[in-house]
Amino acid sequence: MRLQQPPPLTPDTDFKSAPWQSWFYLAYKLFGPGDLGIFTVAKLPNNPFPGQSAFATNGRKVGEGVGSGTGVPVYFSGGAWRVRSTDAIVTA
């Protein structure tokens, strides 16, 4: 019987999968919430730990129009990604 290897983890892999959750748990225990990296708003991870942060490259600052976001730092809280400076849910 030949064992199949699981598919490699990529940023598009569901973050609820067991390998990702194991990795997040270990990283969280070792380093705290941490920064997950750089994403578009649509590609922000869907199941991070509360307090984890990232950068949304097309997230909108106050005064920027729809589709013209220049990027904002975000953090995960209350089941949503929020803009650090305003606590508003991030939008593109």
C-alpha atoms as a PDB file:
ATOM      1  CA  MET A   1       0.000   0.000   0.000  1.00  0.00           C
ATOM      2  CA  ARG A   2       1.409   3.352  -1.024  1.00  0.00           C
ATOM      3  CA  LEU A   3       0.765   6.370   1.179  1.00  0.00           C
ATOM      4  CA  GLN A   4      -0.159   9.627  -0.452  1.00  0.00           C
ATOM      5  CA  GLN A   5       1.508  12.807   0.665  1.00  0.00           C
ATOM      6  CA  PRO A   6      -0.831  15.649   1.551  1.00  0.00           C
ATOM      7  CA  PRO A   7      -0.796  18.618  -0.807  1.00  0.00           C
ATOM      8  CA  PRO A   8       1.723  21.327   0.094  1.00  0.00           C
ATOM      9  CA  LEU A   9       0.526  24.203   2.247  1.00  0.00           C
ATOM     10  CA  THR A  10       0.131  27.476   0.384  1.00  0.00           C
ATOM     11  CA  PRO A  11      -1.434  30.824   1.323  1.00  0.00           C
ATOM     12  CA  ASP A  12      -4.564  29.645  -0.532  1.00  0.00           C
ATOM     13  CA  THR A  13      -4.905  26.458   1.563  1.00  0.00           C
ATOM     14  CA  ASP A  14      -7.797  26.648   4.017  1.00  0.00           C
ATOM     15  CA  PHE A  15      -6.345  27.888   7.295  1.00  0.00           C
ATOM     16  CA  LYS A  16      -8.756  25.620   9.194  1.00  0.00           C
ATOM     17  CA  SER A  17      -6.870  22.544   7.941  1.00  0.00           C
ATOM     18  CA  ALA A  18      -5.080  20.508  10.608  1.00  0.00           C
ATOM     19  CA  PRO A  19      -1.531  21.193   9.327  1.00  0.00           C
ATOM     20  CA  TRP A  20      -2.064  24.968   9.334  1.00  0.00           C
ATOM     21  CA  GLN A  21      -3.720  24.925  12.753  1.00  0.00           C
ATOM     22  CA  SER A  22      -0.842  22.900  14.198  1.00  0.00           C
ATOM     23  CA  TRP A  23       1.648  25.359  12.736  1.00  0.00           C
ATOM     24  CA  PHE A  24      -0.285  28.413  13.985  1.00  0.00           C
ATOM     25  CA  TYR A  25      -0.593  26.909  17.458  1.00  0.00           C
ATOM     26  CA  LEU A  26       3.138  26.217  17.656  1.00  0.00           C
ATOM     27  CA  ALA A  27       4.076  29.668  16.327  1.00  0.00           C
ATOM     28  CA  TYR A  28       1.613  31.330  18.695  1.00  0.00           C
ATOM     29  CA  LYS A  29       2.987  29.441  21.698  1.00  0.00           C
ATOM     30  CA  LEU A  30       6.602  30.225  20.780  1.00  0.00           C
ATOM     31  CA  PHE A  31       6.341  33.819  19.545  1.00  0.00           C
ATOM     32  CA  GLY A  32       2.961  35.245  20.557  1.00  0.00           C
ATOM     33  CA  PRO A  33       0.373  36.595  18.122  1.00  0.00           C
ATOM     34  CA  GLY A  34       2.866  37.689  15.486  1.00  0.00           C
ATOM     35  CA  ASP A  35       2.600  39.143  12.022  1.00  0.00           C
ATOM     36  CA  LEU A  36       1.181  36.851   9.340  1.00  0.00           C
ATOM     37  CA  GLY A  37       2.497  38.807   6.352  1.00  0.00           C
ATOM     38  CA  ILE A  38       1.183  40.780   3.403  1.00  0.00           C
ATOM     39  CA  PHE A  39      -2.150  40.021   1.685  1.00  0.00           C
ATOM     40  CA  THR A  40      -4.902  41.663  -0.322  1.00  0.00           C
ATOM     41  CA  VAL A  41      -8.113  42.138   1.665  1.00  0.00           C
ATOM     42  CA  ALA A  42      -9.724  39.188  -0.151  1.00  0.00           C
ATOM     43  CA  LYS A  43      -6.793  36.877   0.681  1.00  0.00           C
ATOM     44  CA  LEU A  44      -6.460  37.685   4.408  1.00  0.00           C
ATOM     45  CA  PRO A  45      -6.358  34.404   6.382  1.00  0.00           C
ATOM     46  CA  ASN A  46      -9.817  33.237   7.434  1.00  0.00           C
ATOM     47  CA  ASN A  47      -9.029  31.651  10.805  1.00  0.00           C
ATOM     48  CA  PRO A  48      -6.158  33.390  12.617  1.00  0.00           C
ATOM     49  CA  PHE A  49      -5.781  33.741  16.362  1.00  0.00           C
ATOM     50  CA  PRO A  50      -7.231  36.905  17.913  1.00  0.00           C
ATOM     51  CA  GLY A  51      -4.592  39.639  17.944  1.00  0.00           C
ATOM     52  CA  GLN A  52      -2.598  38.388  14.976  1.00  0.00           C
ATOM     53  CA  SER A  53      -1.673  41.109  12.535  1.00  0.00           C
ATOM     54  CA  ALA A  54      -1.030  41.466   8.822  1.00  0.00           C
ATOM     55  CA  PHE A  55      -0.813  44.130   6.130  1.00  0.00           C
ATOM     56  CA  ALA A  56      -3.697  44.498   3.660  1.00  0.00           C
ATOM     57  CA  THR A  57      -2.126  45.896   0.476  1.00  0.00           C
ATOM     58  CA  ASN A  58      -5.393  47.233  -0.916  1.00  0.00           C
ATOM     59  CA  GLY A  59      -7.035  48.121   2.401  1.00  0.00           C
ATOM     60  CA  ARG A  60      -8.496  51.618   2.553  1.00  0.00           C
ATOM     61  CA  LYS A  61      -7.362  54.457   4.779  1.00  0.00           C
ATOM     62  CA  VAL A  62      -9.850  57.123   5.860  1.00  0.00           C
ATOM     63  CA  GLY A  63     -10.820  59.154   2.775  1.00  0.00           C
ATOM     64  CA  GLU A  64      -9.786  56.589   0.151  1.00  0.00           C
ATOM     65  CA  GLY A  65     -12.469  55.504  -2.296  1.00  0.00           C
ATOM     66  CA  VAL A  66     -13.693  52.037  -3.204  1.00  0.00           C
ATOM     67  CA  GLY A  67     -11.028  50.143  -5.123  1.00  0.00           C
ATOM     68  CA  SER A  68      -8.331  52.762  -4.472  1.00  0.00           C
ATOM     69  CA  GLY A  69      -6.960  51.570  -1.130  1.00  0.00           C
ATOM     70  CA  THR A  70      -3.218  52.051  -0.687  1.00  0.00           C
ATOM     71  CA  GLY A  71      -2.756  49.559   2.143  1.00  0.00           C
ATOM     72  CA  VAL A  72      -3.201  49.450   5.913  1.00  0.00           C
ATOM     73  CA  PRO A  73      -1.915  47.441   8.871  1.00  0.00           C
ATOM     74  CA  VAL A  74      -4.687  45.199  10.218  1.00  0.00           C
ATOM     75  CA  TYR A  75      -5.290  42.912  13.197  1.00  0.00           C
ATOM     76  CA  PHE A  76      -7.815  40.131  13.839  1.00  0.00           C
ATOM     77  CA  SER A  77     -10.446  40.775  16.523  1.00  0.00           C
ATOM     78  CA  GLY A  78     -14.054  39.774  17.067  1.00  0.00           C
ATOM     79  CA  GLY A  79     -14.091  37.492  14.023  1.00  0.00           C
ATOM     80  CA  ALA A  80     -12.971  40.199  11.574  1.00  0.00           C
ATOM     81  CA  TRP A  81      -9.849  41.885  10.259  1.00  0.00           C
ATOM     82  CA  ARG A  82      -9.751  45.472  11.550  1.00  0.00           C
ATOM     83  CA  VAL A  83      -7.709  48.530  10.581  1.00  0.00           C
ATOM     84  CA  ARG A  84      -5.254  49.384  13.371  1.00  0.00           C
ATOM     85  CA  SER A  85      -5.815  53.144  13.220  1.00  0.00           C
ATOM     86  CA  THR A  86      -9.641  53.124  13.259  1.00  0.00           C
ATOM     87  CA  ASP A  87     -10.813  49.710  14.552  1.00  0.00           C
ATOM     88  CA  ALA A  88     -13.115  49.573  11.496  1.00  0.00           C
ATOM     89  CA  ILE A  89     -13.432  46.323   9.546  1.00  0.00           C
ATOM     90  CA  VAL A  90     -10.975  46.512   6.658  1.00  0.00           C
ATOM     91  CA  THR A  91     -12.406  47.093   3.177  1.00  0.00           C
ATOM     92  CA  ALA A  92     -10.828  47.208  -0.276  1.00  0.00           C
END
